[in-house]
């Protein structure tokens, strides 16, 4: 059982649970949709949407453009204090430096994974006596 603090937040070292359930329901709906809509049906749908878009239907136009070129990407400009440019200090790394930094990141990730796996294996109905010594 997950332990929470007075604010209702998970205590350090306790995860919120197994996470979102598998997407089996959505995958099943997609399978049904694929089996029900043949290529010929899909072609008719696209032709109809193109006809509607050419006659001013904004929804048909948006639907087609989202499929053809994808939804528009929202761009954000980030600036520093008073709208000035943000200074970025670039450092030169050798291949060995890069490799050691990547290895350090991977080591931390492995430690975290192993720690979380250990927490999942610990029985929740018995106290952890390892700290009592």
Protein backbone atom coordinates (compact mmCIF):
# COMPACT_ATOMS: atom_id res chain seq x y z
CA UNK A 1 0.00 0.00 0.00
CA UNK A 2 1.31 3.44 -0.89
CA UNK A 3 2.12 5.70 2.04
CA UNK A 4 1.02 9.34 1.85
CA UNK A 5 1.96 12.38 3.90
CA UNK A 6 -0.43 14.90 5.49
CA UNK A 7 -0.80 16.72 2.16
CA UNK A 8 -1.86 13.52 0.41
CA UNK A 9 1.41 13.28 -1.51
CA UNK A 10 3.29 10.00 -1.83
CA UNK A 11 6.09 9.67 0.70
CA UNK A 12 9.64 9.52 -0.64
CA UNK A 13 10.45 5.98 -1.73
CA UNK A 14 6.84 4.95 -2.38
CA UNK A 15 5.48 4.96 -5.88
CA UNK A 16 1.90 5.72 -6.75
CA UNK A 17 1.13 2.22 -7.94
CA UNK A 18 1.36 0.21 -11.13
CA UNK A 19 0.37 3.12 -13.37
CA UNK A 20 -2.14 3.33 -16.18
CA UNK A 21 -3.72 0.01 -17.21
CA UNK A 22 -2.76 -1.45 -20.57
CA UNK A 23 -4.48 0.04 -23.57
CA UNK A 24 -6.22 -3.19 -24.51
CA UNK A 25 -9.61 -1.51 -24.82
CA UNK A 26 -8.30 1.15 -27.21
CA UNK A 27 -6.39 -1.48 -29.18
CA UNK A 28 -9.58 -3.54 -29.53
CA UNK A 29 -11.52 -0.50 -30.80
CA UNK A 30 -8.76 0.15 -33.35
CA UNK A 31 -8.90 -3.48 -34.53
CA UNK A 32 -12.68 -3.26 -34.97
CA UNK A 33 -12.39 0.04 -36.84
CA UNK A 34 -9.70 -1.33 -39.16
CA UNK A 35 -11.77 -4.41 -39.94
CA UNK A 36 -14.92 -2.35 -40.62
CA UNK A 37 -13.38 0.29 -42.90
CA UNK A 38 -11.96 -1.06 -46.13
CA UNK A 39 -9.56 0.90 -48.32
CA UNK A 40 -12.43 1.56 -50.73
CA UNK A 41 -14.59 2.92 -47.85
CA UNK A 42 -11.71 5.07 -46.66
CA UNK A 43 -11.18 6.44 -50.17
CA UNK A 44 -14.88 7.45 -50.34
CA UNK A 45 -14.62 9.16 -46.94
CA UNK A 46 -11.55 11.14 -48.00
CA UNK A 47 -13.11 12.15 -51.33
CA UNK A 48 -16.26 13.32 -49.50
CA UNK A 49 -14.17 15.32 -46.99
CA UNK A 50 -12.19 16.91 -49.84
CA UNK A 51 -15.44 17.88 -51.58
CA UNK A 52 -16.86 19.36 -48.37
CA UNK A 53 -13.61 21.22 -47.66
CA UNK A 54 -13.59 22.72 -51.14
CA UNK A 55 -17.13 24.01 -50.49
CA UNK A 56 -16.09 25.83 -47.32
CA UNK A 57 -16.55 23.19 -44.60
CA UNK A 58 -13.97 24.22 -41.97
CA UNK A 59 -14.15 20.91 -40.08
CA UNK A 60 -13.51 18.89 -43.25
CA UNK A 61 -10.64 21.23 -44.14
CA UNK A 62 -9.08 20.82 -40.67
CA UNK A 63 -9.56 17.04 -40.71
CA UNK A 64 -7.87 16.74 -44.11
CA UNK A 65 -5.00 19.05 -43.25
CA UNK A 66 -4.36 17.21 -39.95
CA UNK A 67 -4.12 13.93 -41.88
CA UNK A 68 -2.09 15.32 -44.77
CA UNK A 69 0.41 17.59 -43.02
CA UNK A 70 -0.28 17.01 -39.33
CA UNK A 71 -1.57 19.44 -36.75
CA UNK A 72 0.30 22.75 -36.52
CA UNK A 73 3.27 22.84 -34.17
CA UNK A 74 3.01 25.51 -31.51
CA UNK A 75 6.24 27.43 -31.25
CA UNK A 76 7.28 29.30 -28.14
CA UNK A 77 10.00 31.87 -27.86
CA UNK A 78 11.82 31.76 -24.58
CA UNK A 79 13.77 34.80 -23.55
CA UNK A 80 15.80 35.83 -20.56
CA UNK A 81 15.46 38.76 -18.19
CA UNK A 82 13.84 41.82 -19.78
CA UNK A 83 13.35 39.96 -23.05
CA UNK A 84 17.07 39.59 -23.69
CA UNK A 85 18.61 36.45 -25.14
CA UNK A 86 19.41 33.61 -22.77
CA UNK A 87 23.12 33.00 -22.46
CA UNK A 88 24.17 29.41 -23.02
CA UNK A 89 27.62 28.32 -21.98
CA UNK A 90 28.87 25.58 -24.23
CA UNK A 91 31.60 23.30 -23.05
CA UNK A 92 33.85 21.16 -25.16
CA UNK A 93 33.83 17.49 -24.21
CA UNK A 94 36.06 14.76 -25.43
CA UNK A 95 34.53 11.46 -26.47
CA UNK A 96 35.79 9.94 -23.20
CA UNK A 97 34.11 12.75 -21.19
CA UNK A 98 30.84 12.18 -23.02
CA UNK A 99 31.05 8.43 -22.48
CA UNK A 100 31.71 8.80 -18.76
CA UNK A 101 28.82 11.25 -18.35
CA UNK A 102 26.46 8.93 -20.22
CA UNK A 103 27.64 5.97 -18.11
CA UNK A 104 27.02 7.98 -14.91
CA UNK A 105 23.48 8.79 -16.07
CA UNK A 106 22.85 5.14 -16.92
CA UNK A 107 24.23 4.04 -13.53
CA UNK A 108 21.81 6.40 -11.75
CA UNK A 109 18.92 5.10 -13.86
CA UNK A 110 19.85 1.49 -13.06
CA UNK A 111 20.10 2.29 -9.34
CA UNK A 112 16.67 3.91 -9.40
CA UNK A 113 15.17 0.98 -11.33
CA UNK A 114 16.67 -1.55 -8.92
CA UNK A 115 15.54 0.47 -5.89
CA UNK A 116 11.99 0.65 -7.25
CA UNK A 117 12.01 -3.08 -8.07
CA UNK A 118 13.09 -3.78 -4.48
CA UNK A 119 10.22 -1.68 -3.14
CA UNK A 120 7.73 -3.59 -5.26
CA UNK A 121 8.98 -6.91 -3.84
CA UNK A 122 8.79 -5.80 -0.19
CA UNK A 123 5.64 -7.13 1.52
CA UNK A 124 3.39 -4.27 2.59
CA UNK A 125 1.86 -5.97 5.64
CA UNK A 126 5.16 -6.55 7.48
CA UNK A 127 7.41 -3.79 8.83
CA UNK A 128 10.83 -3.16 7.30
CA UNK A 129 13.24 -4.11 10.08
CA UNK A 130 16.41 -3.41 8.09
CA UNK A 131 16.61 0.12 9.53
CA UNK A 132 16.05 -0.99 13.15
CA UNK A 133 19.61 -2.30 13.56
